[in-house]
Amino acid sequence: MTQTSANDETAIDIEDNADNYFDITRFQDLLEKLEGSKKRQQRQKSVEGRRDIFAGGLANMMSNF
Protein backbone atom coordinates (compact mmCIF):
# COMPACT_ATOMS: atom_id res chain seq x y z
CA MET A 1 0.00 0.00 0.00
CA THR A 2 2.87 2.37 0.68
CA GLN A 3 4.15 1.88 -2.87
CA THR A 4 0.70 2.65 -4.29
CA SER A 5 0.52 5.83 -2.21
CA ALA A 6 3.90 6.96 -3.52
CA ASN A 7 2.75 6.27 -7.08
CA ASP A 8 -0.48 8.17 -6.46
CA GLU A 9 1.50 11.15 -5.18
CA THR A 10 3.74 11.03 -8.25
CA ALA A 11 0.69 10.92 -10.49
CA ILE A 12 -0.73 13.94 -8.69
CA ASP A 13 2.59 15.78 -9.07
CA ILE A 14 2.64 15.06 -12.80
CA GLU A 15 -0.94 16.30 -13.16
CA ASP A 16 -0.08 19.49 -11.23
CA ASN A 17 2.89 20.09 -13.51
CA ALA A 18 0.70 19.57 -16.57
CA ASP A 19 -1.77 22.16 -15.25
CA ASN A 20 1.02 24.64 -14.50
CA TYR A 21 2.96 23.98 -17.72
CA PHE A 22 3.82 27.17 -19.61
CA ASP A 23 4.83 26.87 -23.24
CA ILE A 24 6.99 29.94 -23.93
CA THR A 25 7.17 29.17 -27.65
CA ARG A 26 3.39 29.12 -28.01
CA PHE A 27 3.14 32.29 -25.92
CA GLN A 28 5.68 34.04 -28.19
CA ASP A 29 3.73 32.95 -31.29
CA LEU A 30 0.46 34.25 -29.87
CA LEU A 31 2.12 37.50 -28.79
CA GLU A 32 3.55 38.05 -32.28
CA LYS A 33 0.11 37.44 -33.82
CA LEU A 34 -1.45 39.92 -31.40
CA GLU A 35 1.18 42.56 -32.14
CA GLY A 36 0.74 42.01 -35.88
CA SER A 37 -3.00 42.38 -35.53
CA LYS A 38 -2.62 45.60 -33.55
CA LYS A 39 -0.27 47.00 -36.22
CA ARG A 40 -2.74 46.13 -39.00
CA GLN A 41 -5.58 47.76 -37.06
CA GLN A 42 -3.52 50.90 -36.49
CA ARG A 43 -2.56 51.06 -40.17
CA GLN A 44 -6.23 50.65 -41.18
CA LYS A 45 -7.22 53.40 -38.74
CA SER A 46 -4.59 55.71 -40.27
CA VAL A 47 -5.82 54.98 -43.80
CA GLU A 48 -9.40 55.69 -42.81
CA GLY A 49 -8.33 58.89 -41.05
CA ARG A 50 -6.56 60.14 -44.19
CA ARG A 51 -9.59 59.21 -46.28
CA ASP A 52 -11.85 61.19 -43.93
CA ILE A 53 -9.52 64.22 -44.09
CA PHE A 54 -9.43 64.06 -47.90
CA ALA A 55 -13.21 63.70 -48.11
CA GLY A 56 -13.69 66.64 -45.72
CA GLY A 57 -11.33 68.83 -47.71
CA LEU A 58 -13.02 67.89 -50.95
CA ALA A 59 -16.44 68.67 -49.45
CA ASN A 60 -15.17 72.10 -48.35
CA MET A 61 -13.84 72.81 -51.83
CA MET A 62 -17.11 71.75 -53.42
CA SER A 63 -19.10 73.97 -51.06
CA ASN A 64 -17.14 76.98 -52.39
CA PHE A 65 -18.63 76.53 -55.88
PDB file of N, CA and C in Angstrom:
ATOM      1  N   MET A   1       0.822  -1.198   0.000  1.00  0.00           N
ATOM      2  CA  MET A   1       0.000   0.000   0.000  1.00  0.00           C
ATOM      3  C   MET A   1       0.861   1.254   0.000  1.00  0.00           C
ATOM      4  N   THR A   2       2.002   1.210   0.642  1.00  0.00           N
ATOM      5  CA  THR A   2       2.871   2.368   0.676  1.00  0.00           C
ATOM      6  C   THR A   2       3.359   2.706  -0.730  1.00  0.00           C
ATOM      7  N   GLN A   3       3.667   1.657  -1.510  1.00  0.00           N
ATOM      8  CA  GLN A   3       4.151   1.881  -2.866  1.00  0.00           C
ATOM      9  C   GLN A   3       3.043   2.515  -3.716  1.00  0.00           C
ATOM     10  N   THR A   4       1.826   2.091  -3.550  1.00  0.00           N
ATOM     11  CA  THR A   4       0.701   2.654  -4.288  1.00  0.00           C
ATOM     12  C   THR A   4       0.506   4.117  -3.924  1.00  0.00           C
ATOM     13  N   SER A   5       0.658   4.448  -2.645  1.00  0.00           N
ATOM     14  CA  SER A   5       0.523   5.831  -2.213  1.00  0.00           C
ATOM     15  C   SER A   5       1.586   6.705  -2.856  1.00  0.00           C
ATOM     16  N   ALA A   6       2.811   6.202  -2.906  1.00  0.00           N
ATOM     17  CA  ALA A   6       3.897   6.958  -3.524  1.00  0.00           C
ATOM     18  C   ALA A   6       3.609   7.163  -5.003  1.00  0.00           C
ATOM     19  N   ASN A   7       3.091   6.145  -5.661  1.00  0.00           N
ATOM     20  CA  ASN A   7       2.750   6.270  -7.078  1.00  0.00           C
ATOM     21  C   ASN A   7       1.600   7.255  -7.274  1.00  0.00           C
ATOM     22  N   ASP A   8       0.640   7.231  -6.369  1.00  0.00           N
ATOM     23  CA  ASP A   8      -0.477   8.173  -6.459  1.00  0.00           C
ATOM     24  C   ASP A   8       0.019   9.605  -6.305  1.00  0.00           C
ATOM     25  N   GLU A   9       0.946   9.815  -5.374  1.00  0.00           N
ATOM     26  CA  GLU A   9       1.498  11.155  -5.177  1.00  0.00           C
ATOM     27  C   GLU A   9       2.266  11.610  -6.414  1.00  0.00           C
ATOM     28  N   THR A  10       3.002  10.698  -7.026  1.00  0.00           N
ATOM     29  CA  THR A  10       3.736  11.028  -8.247  1.00  0.00           C
ATOM     30  C   THR A  10       2.764  11.383  -9.358  1.00  0.00           C
ATOM     31  N   ALA A  11       1.689  10.635  -9.467  1.00  0.00           N
ATOM     32  CA  ALA A  11       0.688  10.920 -10.494  1.00  0.00           C
ATOM     33  C   ALA A  11       0.066  12.291 -10.258  1.00  0.00           C
ATOM     34  N   ILE A  12      -0.174  12.627  -9.020  1.00  0.00           N
ATOM     35  CA  ILE A  12      -0.733  13.944  -8.692  1.00  0.00           C
ATOM     36  C   ILE A  12       0.268  15.029  -9.053  1.00  0.00           C
ATOM     37  N   ASP A  13       1.558  14.805  -8.732  1.00  0.00           N
ATOM     38  CA  ASP A  13       2.595  15.782  -9.066  1.00  0.00           C
ATOM     39  C   ASP A  13       2.671  16.000 -10.573  1.00  0.00           C
ATOM     40  N   ILE A  14       2.589  14.938 -11.342  1.00  0.00           N
ATOM     41  CA  ILE A  14       2.640  15.060 -12.804  1.00  0.00           C
ATOM     42  C   ILE A  14       1.430  15.852 -13.307  1.00  0.00           C
ATOM     43  N   GLU A  15       0.257  15.571 -12.753  1.00  0.00           N
ATOM     44  CA  GLU A  15      -0.942  16.303 -13.155  1.00  0.00           C
ATOM     45  C   GLU A  15      -0.815  17.775 -12.796  1.00  0.00           C
ATOM     46  N   ASP A  16      -0.279  18.086 -11.627  1.00  0.00           N
ATOM     47  CA  ASP A  16      -0.083  19.486 -11.227  1.00  0.00           C
ATOM     48  C   ASP A  16       0.870  20.180 -12.191  1.00  0.00           C
ATOM     49  N   ASN A  17       1.945  19.507 -12.573  1.00  0.00           N
ATOM     50  CA  ASN A  17       2.894  20.092 -13.509  1.00  0.00           C
ATOM     51  C   ASN A  17       2.247  20.316 -14.871  1.00  0.00           C
ATOM     52  N   ALA A  18       1.385  19.407 -15.290  1.00  0.00           N
ATOM     53  CA  ALA A  18       0.696  19.567 -16.572  1.00  0.00           C
ATOM     54  C   ALA A  18      -0.226  20.783 -16.517  1.00  0.00           C
ATOM     55  N   ASP A  19      -0.881  21.008 -15.392  1.00  0.00           N
ATOM     56  CA  ASP A  19      -1.770  22.163 -15.246  1.00  0.00           C
ATOM     57  C   ASP A  19      -0.977  23.466 -15.214  1.00  0.00           C
ATOM     58  N   ASN A  20       0.207  23.435 -14.645  1.00  0.00           N
ATOM     59  CA  ASN A  20       1.019  24.636 -14.496  1.00  0.00           C
ATOM     60  C   ASN A  20       2.018  24.817 -15.636  1.00  0.00           C
ATOM     61  N   TYR A  21       2.002  23.941 -16.617  1.00  0.00           N
ATOM     62  CA  TYR A  21       2.961  23.985 -17.717  1.00  0.00           C
ATOM     63  C   TYR A  21       2.765  25.254 -18.535  1.00  0.00           C
ATOM     64  N   PHE A  22       3.858  25.927 -18.841  1.00  0.00           N
ATOM     65  CA  PHE A  22       3.815  27.173 -19.606  1.00  0.00           C
ATOM     66  C   PHE A  22       4.706  27.011 -20.826  1.00  0.00           C
ATOM     67  N   ASP A  23       4.095  27.048 -21.996  1.00  0.00           N
ATOM     68  CA  ASP A  23       4.834  26.867 -23.238  1.00  0.00           C
ATOM     69  C   ASP A  23       5.241  28.240 -23.768  1.00  0.00           C
ATOM     70  N   ILE A  24       6.496  28.615 -23.548  1.00  0.00           N
ATOM     71  CA  ILE A  24       6.987  29.942 -23.931  1.00  0.00           C
ATOM     72  C   ILE A  24       6.956  30.125 -25.439  1.00  0.00           C
ATOM     73  N   THR A  25       7.186  29.068 -26.191  1.00  0.00           N
ATOM     74  CA  THR A  25       7.172  29.174 -27.649  1.00  0.00           C
ATOM     75  C   THR A  25       5.776  29.522 -28.141  1.00  0.00           C
ATOM     76  N   ARG A  26       4.782  28.837 -27.610  1.00  0.00           N
ATOM     77  CA  ARG A  26       3.388  29.116 -28.013  1.00  0.00           C
ATOM     78  C   ARG A  26       2.998  30.537 -27.580  1.00  0.00           C
ATOM     79  N   PHE A  27       3.432  30.940 -26.406  1.00  0.00           N
ATOM     80  CA  PHE A  27       3.142  32.288 -25.923  1.00  0.00           C
ATOM     81  C   PHE A  27       3.757  33.328 -26.862  1.00  0.00           C
ATOM     82  N   GLN A  28       5.009  33.116 -27.276  1.00  0.00           N
ATOM     83  CA  GLN A  28       5.676  34.042 -28.191  1.00  0.00           C
ATOM     84  C   GLN A  28       4.924  34.112 -29.521  1.00  0.00           C
ATOM     85  N   ASP A  29       4.480  32.969 -30.032  1.00  0.00           N
ATOM     86  CA  ASP A  29       3.725  32.949 -31.289  1.00  0.00           C
ATOM     87  C   ASP A  29       2.434  33.744 -31.164  1.00  0.00           C
ATOM     88  N   LEU A  30       1.719  33.532 -30.087  1.00  0.00           N
ATOM     89  CA  LEU A  30       0.463  34.248 -29.871  1.00  0.00           C
ATOM     90  C   LEU A  30       0.702  35.746 -29.693  1.00  0.00           C
ATOM     91  N   LEU A  31       1.779  36.097 -28.999  1.00  0.00           N
ATOM     92  CA  LEU A  31       2.120  37.497 -28.788  1.00  0.00           C
ATOM     93  C   LEU A  31       2.454  38.177 -30.114  1.00  0.00           C
ATOM     94  N   GLU A  32       3.206  37.497 -30.967  1.00  0.00           N
ATOM     95  CA  GLU A  32       3.546  38.054 -32.278  1.00  0.00           C
ATOM     96  C   GLU A  32       2.293  38.255 -33.133  1.00  0.00           C
ATOM     97  N   LYS A  33       1.365  37.303 -33.073  1.00  0.00           N
ATOM     98  CA  LYS A  33       0.110  37.444 -33.823  1.00  0.00           C
ATOM     99  C   LYS A  33      -0.683  38.638 -33.310  1.00  0.00           C
ATOM    100  N   LEU A  34      -0.729  38.799 -31.993  1.00  0.00           N
ATOM    101  CA  LEU A  34      -1.454  39.923 -31.405  1.00  0.00           C
ATOM    102  C   LEU A  34      -0.828  41.246 -31.818  1.00  0.00           C
ATOM    103  N   GLU A  35       0.495  41.320 -31.749  1.00  0.00           N
ATOM    104  CA  GLU A  35       1.181  42.559 -32.136  1.00  0.00           C
ATOM    105  C   GLU A  35       0.961  42.861 -33.614  1.00  0.00           C
ATOM    106  N   GLY A  36       0.995  41.829 -34.454  1.00  0.00           N
ATOM    107  CA  GLY A  36       0.739  42.014 -35.881  1.00  0.00           C
ATOM    108  C   GLY A  36      -0.668  42.511 -36.127  1.00  0.00           C
ATOM    109  N   SER A  37      -1.606  41.965 -35.398  1.00  0.00           N
ATOM    110  CA  SER A  37      -3.002  42.381 -35.530  1.00  0.00           C
ATOM    111  C   SER A  37      -3.180  43.835 -35.113  1.00  0.00           C
ATOM    112  N   LYS A  38      -2.528  44.211 -34.018  1.00  0.00           N
ATOM    113  CA  LYS A  38      -2.616  45.600 -33.550  1.00  0.00           C
ATOM    114  C   LYS A  38      -2.022  46.554 -34.578  1.00  0.00           C
ATOM    115  N   LYS A  39      -0.902  46.150 -35.209  1.00  0.00           N
ATOM    116  CA  LYS A  39      -0.273  47.004 -36.223  1.00  0.00           C
ATOM    117  C   LYS A  39      -1.187  47.158 -37.433  1.00  0.00           C
ATOM    118  N   ARG A  40      -1.817  46.057 -37.856  1.00  0.00           N
ATOM    119  CA  ARG A  40      -2.741  46.134 -38.998  1.00  0.00           C
ATOM    120  C   ARG A  40      -3.928  47.034 -38.673  1.00  0.00           C
ATOM    121  N   GLN A  41      -4.462  46.916 -37.456  1.00  0.00           N
ATOM    122  CA  GLN A  41      -5.585  47.757 -37.055  1.00  0.00           C
ATOM    123  C   GLN A  41      -5.182  49.223 -37.035  1.00  0.00           C
ATOM    124  N   GLN A  42      -3.991  49.519 -36.539  1.00  0.00           N
ATOM    125  CA  GLN A  42      -3.517  50.900 -36.487  1.00  0.00           C
ATOM    126  C   GLN A  42      -3.319  51.451 -37.894  1.00  0.00           C
ATOM    127  N   ARG A  43      -2.766  50.634 -38.791  1.00  0.00           N
ATOM    128  CA  ARG A  43      -2.561  51.057 -40.173  1.00  0.00           C
ATOM    129  C   ARG A  43      -3.903  51.335 -40.850  1.00  0.00           C
ATOM    130  N   GLN A  44      -4.892  50.460 -40.611  1.00  0.00           N
ATOM    131  CA  GLN A  44      -6.227  50.651 -41.179  1.00  0.00           C
ATOM    132  C   GLN A  44      -6.871  51.931 -40.636  1.00  0.00           C
ATOM    133  N   LYS A  45      -6.671  52.183 -39.361  1.00  0.00           N
ATOM    134  CA  LYS A  45      -7.216  53.400 -38.740  1.00  0.00           C
ATOM    135  C   LYS A  45      -6.579  54.642 -39.370  1.00  0.00           C
ATOM    136  N   SER A  46      -5.286  54.587 -39.640  1.00  0.00           N
ATOM    137  CA  SER A  46      -4.595  55.713 -40.274  1.00  0.00           C
ATOM    138  C   SER A  46      -5.108  55.944 -41.686  1.00  0.00           C
ATOM    139  N   VAL A  47      -5.307  54.858 -42.431  1.00  0.00           N
ATOM    140  CA  VAL A  47      -5.821  54.977 -43.799  1.00  0.00           C
ATOM    141  C   VAL A  47      -7.211  55.600 -43.786  1.00  0.00           C
ATOM    142  N   GLU A  48      -8.054  55.146 -42.891  1.00  0.00           N
ATOM    143  CA  GLU A  48      -9.403  55.694 -42.808  1.00  0.00           C
ATOM    144  C   GLU A  48      -9.377  57.152 -42.382  1.00  0.00           C
ATOM    145  N   GLY A  49      -8.456  57.501 -41.492  1.00  0.00           N
ATOM    146  CA  GLY A  49      -8.331  58.893 -41.055  1.00  0.00           C
ATOM    147  C   GLY A  49      -7.929  59.797 -42.207  1.00  0.00           C
ATOM    148  N   ARG A  50      -6.966  59.344 -43.020  1.00  0.00           N
ATOM    149  CA  ARG A  50      -6.558  60.140 -44.189  1.00  0.00           C
ATOM    150  C   ARG A  50      -7.705  60.271 -45.185  1.00  0.00           C
ATOM    151  N   ARG A  51      -8.443  59.195 -45.358  1.00  0.00           N
ATOM    152  CA  ARG A  51      -9.586  59.212 -46.278  1.00  0.00           C
ATOM    153  C   ARG A  51     -10.629  60.222 -45.794  1.00  0.00           C
ATOM    154  N   ASP A  52     -10.882  60.247 -44.494  1.00  0.00           N
ATOM    155  CA  ASP A  52     -11.852  61.195 -43.931  1.00  0.00           C
ATOM    156  C   ASP A  52     -11.372  62.633 -44.108  1.00  0.00           C
ATOM    157  N   ILE A  53     -10.079  62.871 -43.912  1.00  0.00           N
ATOM    158  CA  ILE A  53      -9.525  64.222 -44.086  1.00  0.00           C
ATOM    159  C   ILE A  53      -9.661  64.649 -45.541  1.00  0.00           C
ATOM    160  N   PHE A  54      -9.324  63.755 -46.469  1.00  0.00           N
ATOM    161  CA  PHE A  54      -9.426  64.057 -47.895  1.00  0.00           C
ATOM    162  C   PHE A  54     -10.878  64.352 -48.268  1.00  0.00           C
ATOM    163  N   ALA A  55     -11.792  63.513 -47.789  1.00  0.00           N
ATOM    164  CA  ALA A  55     -13.212  63.704 -48.105  1.00  0.00           C
ATOM    165  C   ALA A  55     -13.711  65.031 -47.522  1.00  0.00           C
ATOM    166  N   GLY A  56     -13.278  65.356 -46.320  1.00  0.00           N
ATOM    167  CA  GLY A  56     -13.691  66.638 -45.716  1.00  0.00           C
ATOM    168  C   GLY A  56     -13.159  67.813 -46.495  1.00  0.00           C
ATOM    169  N   GLY A  57     -11.915  67.754 -46.921  1.00  0.00           N
ATOM    170  CA  GLY A  57     -11.329  68.826 -47.713  1.00  0.00           C
ATOM    171  C   GLY A  57     -12.028  68.972 -49.049  1.00  0.00           C
ATOM    172  N   LEU A  58     -12.326  67.860 -49.676  1.00  0.00           N
ATOM    173  CA  LEU A  58     -13.025  67.888 -50.954  1.00  0.00           C
ATOM    174  C   LEU A  58     -14.428  68.474 -50.782  1.00  0.00           C
ATOM    175  N   ALA A  59     -15.113  68.123 -49.712  1.00  0.00           N
ATOM    176  CA  ALA A  59     -16.444  68.668 -49.452  1.00  0.00           C
ATOM    177  C   ALA A  59     -16.365  70.176 -49.240  1.00  0.00           C
ATOM    178  N   ASN A  60     -15.326  70.649 -48.541  1.00  0.00           N
ATOM    179  CA  ASN A  60     -15.167  72.100 -48.353  1.00  0.00           C
ATOM    180  C   ASN A  60     -14.910  72.814 -49.675  1.00  0.00           C
ATOM    181  N   MET A  61     -14.100  72.198 -50.535  1.00  0.00           N
ATOM    182  CA  MET A  61     -13.836  72.809 -51.831  1.00  0.00           C
ATOM    183  C   MET A  61     -15.113  72.858 -52.679  1.00  0.00           C
ATOM    184  N   MET A  62     -15.874  71.803 -52.618  1.00  0.00           N
ATOM    185  CA  MET A  62     -17.105  71.750 -53.417  1.00  0.00           C
ATOM    186  C   MET A  62     -18.132  72.758 -52.909  1.00  0.00           C
ATOM    187  N   SER A  63     -18.118  73.010 -51.621  1.00  0.00           N
ATOM    188  CA  SER A  63     -19.095  73.967 -51.060  1.00  0.00           C
ATOM    189  C   SER A  63     -18.765  75.396 -51.489  1.00  0.00           C
ATOM    190  N   ASN A  64     -17.521  75.653 -51.939  1.00  0.00           N
ATOM    191  CA  ASN A  64     -17.145  76.976 -52.389  1.00  0.00           C
ATOM    192  C   ASN A  64     -17.700  77.294 -53.774  1.00  0.00           C
ATOM    193  N   PHE A  65     -18.123  76.285 -54.525  1.00  0.00           N
ATOM    194  CA  PHE A  65     -18.632  76.527 -55.878  1.00  0.00           C
ATOM    195  C   PHE A  65     -20.080  76.869 -55.880  1.00  0.00           C
TER     196      PHE A  65
END
